[in-house]
Amino acid sequence: MSITRVAKVETMAHNRRSSTQYALQGKQCERCRNQSTPLWRNGPRAARELCNACGIKWGNERRREIREKRRQGN
């Protein structure tokens, strides 16, 4: 006979703001033209010009290009 210990996990309700609350008047993503995002990210030309999704994609592309340049240089 085995005894299993069960821990009770309590979750707190988080006060999450909808992404529409993060839409700044007249601001839009330079890449996809989205106006609502949970976080504005830096882009290639200026600070806070990309929506969250495009900022992540741009950062990944940039890192990939840097890695490729390093490989070619070796």
PDB file of N, CA and C in Angstrom:
ATOM      1  N   MET A   1       0.850  -1.176   0.000  1.00  0.00           N
ATOM      2  CA  MET A   1       0.000   0.000   0.000  1.00  0.00           C
ATOM      3  C   MET A   1       0.890   1.232   0.000  1.00  0.00           C
ATOM      4  N   SER A   2       0.672   2.117  -0.948  1.00  0.00           N
ATOM      5  CA  SER A   2       1.485   3.328  -1.021  1.00  0.00           C
ATOM      6  C   SER A   2       0.629   4.545  -0.686  1.00  0.00           C
ATOM      7  N   ILE A   3       1.277   5.506  -0.106  1.00  0.00           N
ATOM      8  CA  ILE A   3       0.594   6.746   0.263  1.00  0.00           C
ATOM      9  C   ILE A   3       1.105   7.843  -0.667  1.00  0.00           C
ATOM     10  N   THR A   4       0.181   8.530  -1.274  1.00  0.00           N
ATOM     11  CA  THR A   4       0.543   9.610  -2.182  1.00  0.00           C
ATOM     12  C   THR A   4       0.233  10.933  -1.512  1.00  0.00           C
ATOM     13  N   ARG A   5       1.222  11.797  -1.521  1.00  0.00           N
ATOM     14  CA  ARG A   5       1.045  13.111  -0.917  1.00  0.00           C
ATOM     15  C   ARG A   5       0.575  14.078  -2.008  1.00  0.00           C
ATOM     16  N   VAL A   6      -0.487  14.772  -1.729  1.00  0.00           N
ATOM     17  CA  VAL A   6      -1.041  15.718  -2.687  1.00  0.00           C
ATOM     18  C   VAL A   6      -0.938  17.107  -2.090  1.00  0.00           C
ATOM     19  N   ALA A   7      -0.284  17.972  -2.803  1.00  0.00           N
ATOM     20  CA  ALA A   7      -0.149  19.354  -2.336  1.00  0.00           C
ATOM     21  C   ALA A   7      -1.260  20.195  -2.941  1.00  0.00           C
ATOM     22  N   LYS A   8      -1.830  21.017  -2.116  1.00  0.00           N
ATOM     23  CA  LYS A   8      -2.880  21.899  -2.597  1.00  0.00           C
ATOM     24  C   LYS A   8      -2.219  23.158  -3.162  1.00  0.00           C
ATOM     25  N   VAL A   9      -2.554  23.461  -4.383  1.00  0.00           N
ATOM     26  CA  VAL A   9      -1.986  24.632  -5.033  1.00  0.00           C
ATOM     27  C   VAL A   9      -3.088  25.662  -5.194  1.00  0.00           C
ATOM     28  N   GLU A  10      -2.835  26.824  -4.636  1.00  0.00           N
ATOM     29  CA  GLU A  10      -3.807  27.897  -4.765  1.00  0.00           C
ATOM     30  C   GLU A  10      -3.318  28.867  -5.829  1.00  0.00           C
ATOM     31  N   THR A  11      -4.216  29.282  -6.651  1.00  0.00           N
ATOM     32  CA  THR A  11      -3.852  30.250  -7.677  1.00  0.00           C
ATOM     33  C   THR A  11      -4.540  31.563  -7.381  1.00  0.00           C
ATOM     34  N   MET A  12      -3.824  32.613  -7.652  1.00  0.00           N
ATOM     35  CA  MET A  12      -4.397  33.936  -7.455  1.00  0.00           C
ATOM     36  C   MET A  12      -4.901  34.444  -8.793  1.00  0.00           C
ATOM     37  N   ALA A  13      -5.994  35.123  -8.737  1.00  0.00           N
ATOM     38  CA  ALA A  13      -6.513  35.737  -9.959  1.00  0.00           C
ATOM     39  C   ALA A  13      -5.650  36.954 -10.263  1.00  0.00           C
ATOM     40  N   HIS A  14      -5.145  36.999 -11.462  1.00  0.00           N
ATOM     41  CA  HIS A  14      -4.299  38.122 -11.854  1.00  0.00           C
ATOM     42  C   HIS A  14      -5.152  39.192 -12.509  1.00  0.00           C
ATOM     43  N   ASN A  15      -4.836  40.405 -12.183  1.00  0.00           N
ATOM     44  CA  ASN A  15      -5.496  41.526 -12.840  1.00  0.00           C
ATOM     45  C   ASN A  15      -4.752  41.803 -14.130  1.00  0.00           C
ATOM     46  N   ARG A  16      -5.203  41.240 -15.186  1.00  0.00           N
ATOM     47  CA  ARG A  16      -4.545  41.454 -16.472  1.00  0.00           C
ATOM     48  C   ARG A  16      -5.296  42.527 -17.237  1.00  0.00           C
ATOM     49  N   ARG A  17      -4.525  43.423 -17.771  1.00  0.00           N
ATOM     50  CA  ARG A  17      -5.120  44.453 -18.610  1.00  0.00           C
ATOM     51  C   ARG A  17      -5.241  43.907 -20.022  1.00  0.00           C
ATOM     52  N   SER A  18      -6.284  44.287 -20.684  1.00  0.00           N
ATOM     53  CA  SER A  18      -6.407  43.852 -22.077  1.00  0.00           C
ATOM     54  C   SER A  18      -5.394  44.623 -22.910  1.00  0.00           C
ATOM     55  N   SER A  19      -4.967  44.026 -23.996  1.00  0.00           N
ATOM     56  CA  SER A  19      -3.936  44.654 -24.815  1.00  0.00           C
ATOM     57  C   SER A  19      -4.404  45.977 -25.409  1.00  0.00           C
ATOM     58  N   THR A  20      -5.711  46.182 -25.464  1.00  0.00           N
ATOM     59  CA  THR A  20      -6.198  47.448 -26.009  1.00  0.00           C
ATOM     60  C   THR A  20      -5.838  48.604 -25.091  1.00  0.00           C
ATOM     61  N   GLN A  21      -5.598  48.353 -23.831  1.00  0.00           N
ATOM     62  CA  GLN A  21      -5.200  49.422 -22.927  1.00  0.00           C
ATOM     63  C   GLN A  21      -3.775  49.878 -23.196  1.00  0.00           C
ATOM     64  N   TYR A  22      -3.032  49.096 -23.936  1.00  0.00           N
ATOM     65  CA  TYR A  22      -1.664  49.451 -24.260  1.00  0.00           C
ATOM     66  C   TYR A  22      -1.557  50.147 -25.611  1.00  0.00           C
ATOM     67  N   ALA A  23      -2.668  50.374 -26.240  1.00  0.00           N
ATOM     68  CA  ALA A  23      -2.643  51.073 -27.521  1.00  0.00           C
ATOM     69  C   ALA A  23      -2.470  52.562 -27.244  1.00  0.00           C
ATOM     70  N   LEU A  24      -1.434  53.131 -27.798  1.00  0.00           N
ATOM     71  CA  LEU A  24      -1.206  54.553 -27.637  1.00  0.00           C
ATOM     72  C   LEU A  24      -1.833  55.270 -28.818  1.00  0.00           C
ATOM     73  N   GLN A  25      -2.398  56.411 -28.537  1.00  0.00           N
ATOM     74  CA  GLN A  25      -3.117  57.130 -29.574  1.00  0.00           C
ATOM     75  C   GLN A  25      -2.185  57.455 -30.743  1.00  0.00           C
ATOM     76  N   GLY A  26      -2.543  56.977 -31.923  1.00  0.00           N
ATOM     77  CA  GLY A  26      -1.788  57.257 -33.126  1.00  0.00           C
ATOM     78  C   GLY A  26      -0.544  56.407 -33.311  1.00  0.00           C
ATOM     79  N   LYS A  27      -0.210  55.543 -32.372  1.00  0.00           N
ATOM     80  CA  LYS A  27       0.994  54.717 -32.486  1.00  0.00           C
ATOM     81  C   LYS A  27       0.640  53.410 -33.171  1.00  0.00           C
ATOM     82  N   GLN A  28       1.513  52.985 -34.078  1.00  0.00           N
ATOM     83  CA  GLN A  28       1.316  51.703 -34.742  1.00  0.00           C
ATOM     84  C   GLN A  28       2.667  51.080 -35.037  1.00  0.00           C
ATOM     85  N   CYS A  29       2.663  49.775 -35.123  1.00  0.00           N
ATOM     86  CA  CYS A  29       3.875  49.016 -35.405  1.00  0.00           C
ATOM     87  C   CYS A  29       4.380  49.369 -36.806  1.00  0.00           C
ATOM     88  N   GLU A  30       5.677  49.582 -36.919  1.00  0.00           N
ATOM     89  CA  GLU A  30       6.268  49.931 -38.213  1.00  0.00           C
ATOM     90  C   GLU A  30       6.254  48.771 -39.193  1.00  0.00           C
ATOM     91  N   ARG A  31       6.132  47.561 -38.692  1.00  0.00           N
ATOM     92  CA  ARG A  31       6.188  46.381 -39.556  1.00  0.00           C
ATOM     93  C   ARG A  31       4.804  45.888 -39.969  1.00  0.00           C
ATOM     94  N   CYS A  32       3.913  45.719 -38.997  1.00  0.00           N
ATOM     95  CA  CYS A  32       2.605  45.114 -39.298  1.00  0.00           C
ATOM     96  C   CYS A  32       1.435  46.086 -39.155  1.00  0.00           C
ATOM     97  N   ARG A  33       1.714  47.290 -38.705  1.00  0.00           N
ATOM     98  CA  ARG A  33       0.697  48.344 -38.524  1.00  0.00           C
ATOM     99  C   ARG A  33      -0.301  48.054 -37.405  1.00  0.00           C
ATOM    100  N   ASN A  34       0.015  47.107 -36.535  1.00  0.00           N
ATOM    101  CA  ASN A  34      -0.837  46.810 -35.387  1.00  0.00           C
ATOM    102  C   ASN A  34      -0.802  48.009 -34.439  1.00  0.00           C
ATOM    103  N   GLN A  35      -1.936  48.318 -33.822  1.00  0.00           N
ATOM    104  CA  GLN A  35      -1.996  49.461 -32.919  1.00  0.00           C
ATOM    105  C   GLN A  35      -2.130  49.056 -31.461  1.00  0.00           C
ATOM    106  N   SER A  36      -2.298  47.773 -31.195  1.00  0.00           N
ATOM    107  CA  SER A  36      -2.514  47.302 -29.837  1.00  0.00           C
ATOM    108  C   SER A  36      -1.547  46.161 -29.537  1.00  0.00           C
ATOM    109  N   THR A  37      -0.797  46.295 -28.440  1.00  0.00           N
ATOM    110  CA  THR A  37       0.179  45.276 -28.077  1.00  0.00           C
ATOM    111  C   THR A  37       0.440  45.339 -26.576  1.00  0.00           C
ATOM    112  N   PRO A  38       0.789  44.230 -25.956  1.00  0.00           N
ATOM    113  CA  PRO A  38       1.103  44.274 -24.527  1.00  0.00           C
ATOM    114  C   PRO A  38       2.439  44.958 -24.245  1.00  0.00           C
ATOM    115  N   LEU A  39       3.310  45.077 -25.277  1.00  0.00           N
ATOM    116  CA  LEU A  39       4.622  45.687 -25.062  1.00  0.00           C
ATOM    117  C   LEU A  39       5.155  46.240 -26.371  1.00  0.00           C
ATOM    118  N   TRP A  40       5.583  47.491 -26.364  1.00  0.00           N
ATOM    119  CA  TRP A  40       6.245  48.074 -27.531  1.00  0.00           C
ATOM    120  C   TRP A  40       7.726  47.794 -27.413  1.00  0.00           C
ATOM    121  N   ARG A  41       8.344  47.318 -28.500  1.00  0.00           N
ATOM    122  CA  ARG A  41       9.757  46.930 -28.492  1.00  0.00           C
ATOM    123  C   ARG A  41      10.580  47.811 -29.426  1.00  0.00           C
ATOM    124  N   ASN A  42      11.877  47.849 -29.123  1.00  0.00           N
ATOM    125  CA  ASN A  42      12.802  48.595 -29.965  1.00  0.00           C
ATOM    126  C   ASN A  42      12.943  47.911 -31.313  1.00  0.00           C
ATOM    127  N   GLY A  43      13.173  48.713 -32.332  1.00  0.00           N
ATOM    128  CA  GLY A  43      13.356  48.181 -33.674  1.00  0.00           C
ATOM    129  C   GLY A  43      14.659  48.661 -34.273  1.00  0.00           C
ATOM    130  N   PRO A  44      14.833  48.446 -35.571  1.00  0.00           N
ATOM    131  CA  PRO A  44      16.098  48.791 -36.213  1.00  0.00           C
ATOM    132  C   PRO A  44      16.366  50.295 -36.293  1.00  0.00           C
ATOM    133  N   ARG A  45      15.335  51.099 -36.320  1.00  0.00           N
ATOM    134  CA  ARG A  45      15.546  52.536 -36.495  1.00  0.00           C
ATOM    135  C   ARG A  45      15.325  53.354 -35.235  1.00  0.00           C
ATOM    136  N   ALA A  46      14.379  52.954 -34.405  1.00  0.00           N
ATOM    137  CA  ALA A  46      14.045  53.792 -33.255  1.00  0.00           C
ATOM    138  C   ALA A  46      13.537  52.941 -32.096  1.00  0.00           C
ATOM    139  N   ALA A  47      13.500  53.565 -30.944  1.00  0.00           N
ATOM    140  CA  ALA A  47      12.996  52.885 -29.756  1.00  0.00           C
ATOM    141  C   ALA A  47      11.477  52.785 -29.811  1.00  0.00           C
ATOM    142  N   ARG A  48      10.965  51.662 -29.368  1.00  0.00           N
ATOM    143  CA  ARG A  48       9.529  51.423 -29.225  1.00  0.00           C
ATOM    144  C   ARG A  48       8.755  51.605 -30.526  1.00  0.00           C
ATOM    145  N   GLU A  49       9.292  51.087 -31.618  1.00  0.00           N
ATOM    146  CA  GLU A  49       8.599  51.235 -32.894  1.00  0.00           C
ATOM    147  C   GLU A  49       7.909  49.958 -33.351  1.00  0.00           C
ATOM    148  N   LEU A  50       8.187  48.818 -32.676  1.00  0.00           N
ATOM    149  CA  LEU A  50       7.617  47.542 -33.091  1.00  0.00           C
ATOM    150  C   LEU A  50       6.698  46.981 -32.015  1.00  0.00           C
ATOM    151  N   CYS A  51       5.633  46.293 -32.449  1.00  0.00           N
ATOM    152  CA  CYS A  51       4.768  45.604 -31.494  1.00  0.00           C
ATOM    153  C   CYS A  51       5.552  44.435 -30.896  1.00  0.00           C
ATOM    154  N   ASN A  52       5.029  43.819 -29.899  1.00  0.00           N
ATOM    155  CA  ASN A  52       5.720  42.728 -29.215  1.00  0.00           C
ATOM    156  C   ASN A  52       6.106  41.605 -30.173  1.00  0.00           C
ATOM    157  N   ALA A  53       5.176  41.140 -30.980  1.00  0.00           N
ATOM    158  CA  ALA A  53       5.442  40.020 -31.890  1.00  0.00           C
ATOM    159  C   ALA A  53       6.518  40.379 -32.915  1.00  0.00           C
ATOM    160  N   CYS A  54       6.402  41.537 -33.538  1.00  0.00           N
ATOM    161  CA  CYS A  54       7.383  41.938 -34.548  1.00  0.00           C
ATOM    162  C   CYS A  54       8.742  42.211 -33.919  1.00  0.00           C
ATOM    163  N   GLY A  55       8.754  42.740 -32.704  1.00  0.00           N
ATOM    164  CA  GLY A  55      10.019  42.985 -32.014  1.00  0.00           C
ATOM    165  C   GLY A  55      10.766  41.698 -31.737  1.00  0.00           C
ATOM    166  N   ILE A  56      10.043  40.663 -31.355  1.00  0.00           N
ATOM    167  CA  ILE A  56      10.672  39.363 -31.108  1.00  0.00           C
ATOM    168  C   ILE A  56      11.197  38.786 -32.419  1.00  0.00           C
ATOM    169  N   LYS A  57      10.389  38.850 -33.471  1.00  0.00           N
ATOM    170  CA  LYS A  57      10.822  38.337 -34.779  1.00  0.00           C
ATOM    171  C   LYS A  57      12.057  39.083 -35.273  1.00  0.00           C
ATOM    172  N   TRP A  58      12.063  40.405 -35.159  1.00  0.00           N
ATOM    173  CA  TRP A  58      13.191  41.204 -35.620  1.00  0.00           C
ATOM    174  C   TRP A  58      14.455  40.868 -34.822  1.00  0.00           C
ATOM    175  N   GLY A  59      14.310  40.714 -33.513  1.00  0.00           N
ATOM    176  CA  GLY A  59      15.456  40.355 -32.682  1.00  0.00           C
ATOM    177  C   GLY A  59      16.034  39.003 -33.055  1.00  0.00           C
ATOM    178  N   ASN A  60      15.175  38.034 -33.322  1.00  0.00           N
ATOM    179  CA  ASN A  60      15.641  36.702 -33.731  1.00  0.00           C
ATOM    180  C   ASN A  60      16.356  36.760 -35.080  1.00  0.00           C
ATOM    181  N   GLU A  61      15.806  37.524 -36.021  1.00  0.00           N
ATOM    182  CA  GLU A  61      16.439  37.667 -37.334  1.00  0.00           C
ATOM    183  C   GLU A  61      17.809  38.322 -37.199  1.00  0.00           C
ATOM    184  N   ARG A  62      17.880  39.327 -36.359  1.00  0.00           N
ATOM    185  CA  ARG A  62      19.141  40.045 -36.140  1.00  0.00           C
ATOM    186  C   ARG A  62      20.204  39.125 -35.545  1.00  0.00           C
ATOM    187  N   ARG A  63      19.828  38.348 -34.538  1.00  0.00           N
ATOM    188  CA  ARG A  63      20.773  37.407 -33.924  1.00  0.00           C
ATOM    189  C   ARG A  63      21.234  36.356 -34.934  1.00  0.00           C
ATOM    190  N   ARG A  64      20.318  35.886 -35.782  1.00  0.00           N
ATOM    191  CA  ARG A  64      20.663  34.898 -36.801  1.00  0.00           C
ATOM    192  C   ARG A  64      21.684  35.480 -37.782  1.00  0.00           C
ATOM    193  N   GLU A  65      21.486  36.729 -38.207  1.00  0.00           N
ATOM    194  CA  GLU A  65      22.424  37.380 -39.122  1.00  0.00           C
ATOM    195  C   GLU A  65      23.806  37.527 -38.488  1.00  0.00           C
ATOM    196  N   ILE A  66      23.855  37.883 -37.227  1.00  0.00           N
ATOM    197  CA  ILE A  66      25.133  38.039 -36.527  1.00  0.00           C
ATOM    198  C   ILE A  66      25.863  36.705 -36.456  1.00  0.00           C
ATOM    199  N   ARG A  67      25.131  35.635 -36.139  1.00  0.00           N
ATOM    200  CA  ARG A  67      25.753  34.301 -36.076  1.00  0.00           C
ATOM    201  C   ARG A  67      26.316  33.890 -37.430  1.00  0.00           C
ATOM    202  N   GLU A  68      25.561  34.161 -38.502  1.00  0.00           N
ATOM    203  CA  GLU A  68      26.017  33.797 -39.844  1.00  0.00           C
ATOM    204  C   GLU A  68      27.272  34.573 -40.232  1.00  0.00           C
ATOM    205  N   LYS A  69      27.334  35.852 -39.881  1.00  0.00           N
ATOM    206  CA  LYS A  69      28.517  36.660 -40.182  1.00  0.00           C
ATOM    207  C   LYS A  69      29.733  36.128 -39.434  1.00  0.00           C
ATOM    208  N   ARG A  70      29.533  35.716 -38.191  1.00  0.00           N
ATOM    209  CA  ARG A  70      30.643  35.166 -37.406  1.00  0.00           C
ATOM    210  C   ARG A  70      31.147  33.867 -38.014  1.00  0.00           C
ATOM    211  N   ARG A  71      30.237  33.032 -38.479  1.00  0.00           N
ATOM    212  CA  ARG A  71      30.631  31.757 -39.098  1.00  0.00           C
ATOM    213  C   ARG A  71      31.412  31.995 -40.387  1.00  0.00           C
ATOM    214  N   GLN A  72      30.997  32.962 -41.167  1.00  0.00           N
ATOM    215  CA  GLN A  72      31.681  33.262 -42.424  1.00  0.00           C
ATOM    216  C   GLN A  72      33.066  33.850 -42.175  1.00  0.00           C
ATOM    217  N   GLY A  73      33.217  34.555 -41.078  1.00  0.00           N
ATOM    218  CA  GLY A  73      34.493  35.180 -40.750  1.00  0.00           C
ATOM    219  C   GLY A  73      35.526  34.203 -40.240  1.00  0.00           C
ATOM    220  N   ASN A  74      35.116  33.036 -39.771  1.00  0.00           N
ATOM    221  CA  ASN A  74      36.069  32.057 -39.214  1.00  0.00           C
ATOM    222  C   ASN A  74      36.761  31.279 -40.273  1.00  0.00           C
TER     223      ASN A  74
END
